[in-house]
Structures are given as C-alpha cells and as structure tokens.
C-alpha cells in the first residue's frame, strides 16, 4: 500500500491534483470555463503515463 502512495506523491501528481481543485473551484464559484486547456493538460499527463507503462512492459518481455 505504501508504494501506491509514494507513486501518487510526486510533482506531476501534485500539480494535477491542485489544477483539478482550482478548476473545480473556478467552475463552481466564478463560472469560469477553461475546459479545453484543462483537457489538454490531463490528456498529456495520462498520455505520458500510458507511454511509460507500455515502455516498461516492452522491456519486461
């Protein structure tokens, strides 16, 4: 279980979590819509994570 928390607490994850909180706050209280920018950031983050997993799996084969 500790390994999962260690992986979660890194710079990219912290930035992503903070960005999510800020976007939620602005969307709820300020009627601010930055959906396109947010989606690009999230897609980039998860895309790079997916690529790392695939590269790791190829090395293990």
C-alpha atoms as a PDB file:
ATOM      1  CA  UNK A   1       0.000   0.000   0.000  1.00  0.00           C
ATOM      2  CA  UNK A   2       2.859   2.380   0.739  1.00  0.00           C
ATOM      3  CA  UNK A   3       4.155   2.017  -2.816  1.00  0.00           C
ATOM      4  CA  UNK A   4       0.931   3.418  -4.251  1.00  0.00           C
ATOM      5  CA  UNK A   5       1.100   6.492  -2.005  1.00  0.00           C
ATOM      6  CA  UNK A   6       4.747   7.067  -2.888  1.00  0.00           C
ATOM      7  CA  UNK A   7       3.892   6.994  -6.596  1.00  0.00           C
ATOM      8  CA  UNK A   8       0.972   9.365  -6.054  1.00  0.00           C
ATOM      9  CA  UNK A   9       3.088  11.949  -4.270  1.00  0.00           C
ATOM     10  CA  UNK A  10       5.324  13.335  -6.981  1.00  0.00           C
ATOM     11  CA  UNK A  11       5.479  16.707  -8.688  1.00  0.00           C
ATOM     12  CA  UNK A  12       3.270  15.801 -11.662  1.00  0.00           C
ATOM     13  CA  UNK A  13       0.587  14.280  -9.478  1.00  0.00           C
ATOM     14  CA  UNK A  14       0.564  17.195  -7.053  1.00  0.00           C
ATOM     15  CA  UNK A  15       0.276  19.702  -9.906  1.00  0.00           C
ATOM     16  CA  UNK A  16      -2.535  17.699 -11.497  1.00  0.00           C
ATOM     17  CA  UNK A  17      -4.449  17.461  -8.223  1.00  0.00           C
ATOM     18  CA  UNK A  18      -4.019  21.175  -7.495  1.00  0.00           C
ATOM     19  CA  UNK A  19      -5.074  22.086 -11.023  1.00  0.00           C
ATOM     20  CA  UNK A  20      -8.175  19.936 -10.666  1.00  0.00           C
ATOM     21  CA  UNK A  21      -9.101  21.633  -7.391  1.00  0.00           C
ATOM     22  CA  UNK A  22      -8.595  25.115  -8.870  1.00  0.00           C
ATOM     23  CA  UNK A  23     -10.646  24.335 -11.970  1.00  0.00           C
ATOM     24  CA  UNK A  24     -13.462  22.892  -9.842  1.00  0.00           C
ATOM     25  CA  UNK A  25     -13.440  25.960  -7.605  1.00  0.00           C
ATOM     26  CA  UNK A  26     -13.487  28.386 -10.541  1.00  0.00           C
ATOM     27  CA  UNK A  27     -16.160  26.437 -12.376  1.00  0.00           C
ATOM     28  CA  UNK A  28     -18.436  26.362  -9.337  1.00  0.00           C
ATOM     29  CA  UNK A  29     -17.981  29.840  -7.890  1.00  0.00           C
ATOM     30  CA  UNK A  30     -16.796  32.058 -10.745  1.00  0.00           C
ATOM     31  CA  UNK A  31     -18.495  30.461 -13.746  1.00  0.00           C
ATOM     32  CA  UNK A  32     -15.048  30.246 -15.349  1.00  0.00           C
ATOM     33  CA  UNK A  33     -14.623  27.750 -18.180  1.00  0.00           C
ATOM     34  CA  UNK A  34     -11.137  26.626 -19.159  1.00  0.00           C
ATOM     35  CA  UNK A  35     -12.263  23.188 -20.216  1.00  0.00           C
ATOM     36  CA  UNK A  36     -10.121  22.997 -23.364  1.00  0.00           C
ATOM     37  CA  UNK A  37      -6.875  23.891 -21.614  1.00  0.00           C
ATOM     38  CA  UNK A  38      -7.615  21.577 -18.712  1.00  0.00           C
ATOM     39  CA  UNK A  39      -8.450  18.675 -21.031  1.00  0.00           C
ATOM     40  CA  UNK A  40      -5.183  19.158 -22.928  1.00  0.00           C
ATOM     41  CA  UNK A  41      -3.179  19.103 -19.705  1.00  0.00           C
ATOM     42  CA  UNK A  42      -4.929  15.995 -18.390  1.00  0.00           C
ATOM     43  CA  UNK A  43      -4.654  14.222 -21.754  1.00  0.00           C
ATOM     44  CA  UNK A  44      -0.933  14.986 -21.900  1.00  0.00           C
ATOM     45  CA  UNK A  45      -0.388  13.758 -18.350  1.00  0.00           C
ATOM     46  CA  UNK A  46      -2.243  10.484 -18.796  1.00  0.00           C
ATOM     47  CA  UNK A  47      -0.777  10.005 -22.265  1.00  0.00           C
ATOM     48  CA  UNK A  48       2.766  10.199 -20.928  1.00  0.00           C
ATOM     49  CA  UNK A  49       1.875   7.881 -18.051  1.00  0.00           C
ATOM     50  CA  UNK A  50       0.402   5.356 -20.501  1.00  0.00           C
ATOM     51  CA  UNK A  51       3.505   5.575 -22.685  1.00  0.00           C
ATOM     52  CA  UNK A  52       5.774   4.906 -19.695  1.00  0.00           C
ATOM     53  CA  UNK A  53       3.750   1.819 -18.770  1.00  0.00           C
ATOM     54  CA  UNK A  54       3.935   0.493 -22.334  1.00  0.00           C
ATOM     55  CA  UNK A  55       7.695   1.046 -22.481  1.00  0.00           C
ATOM     56  CA  UNK A  56       8.118  -0.744 -19.163  1.00  0.00           C
ATOM     57  CA  UNK A  57       6.026  -3.689 -20.399  1.00  0.00           C
ATOM     58  CA  UNK A  58       8.116  -3.954 -23.579  1.00  0.00           C
ATOM     59  CA  UNK A  59      11.309  -4.074 -21.532  1.00  0.00           C
ATOM     60  CA  UNK A  60       9.918  -6.849 -19.351  1.00  0.00           C
ATOM     61  CA  UNK A  61       9.042  -9.055 -22.365  1.00  0.00           C
END
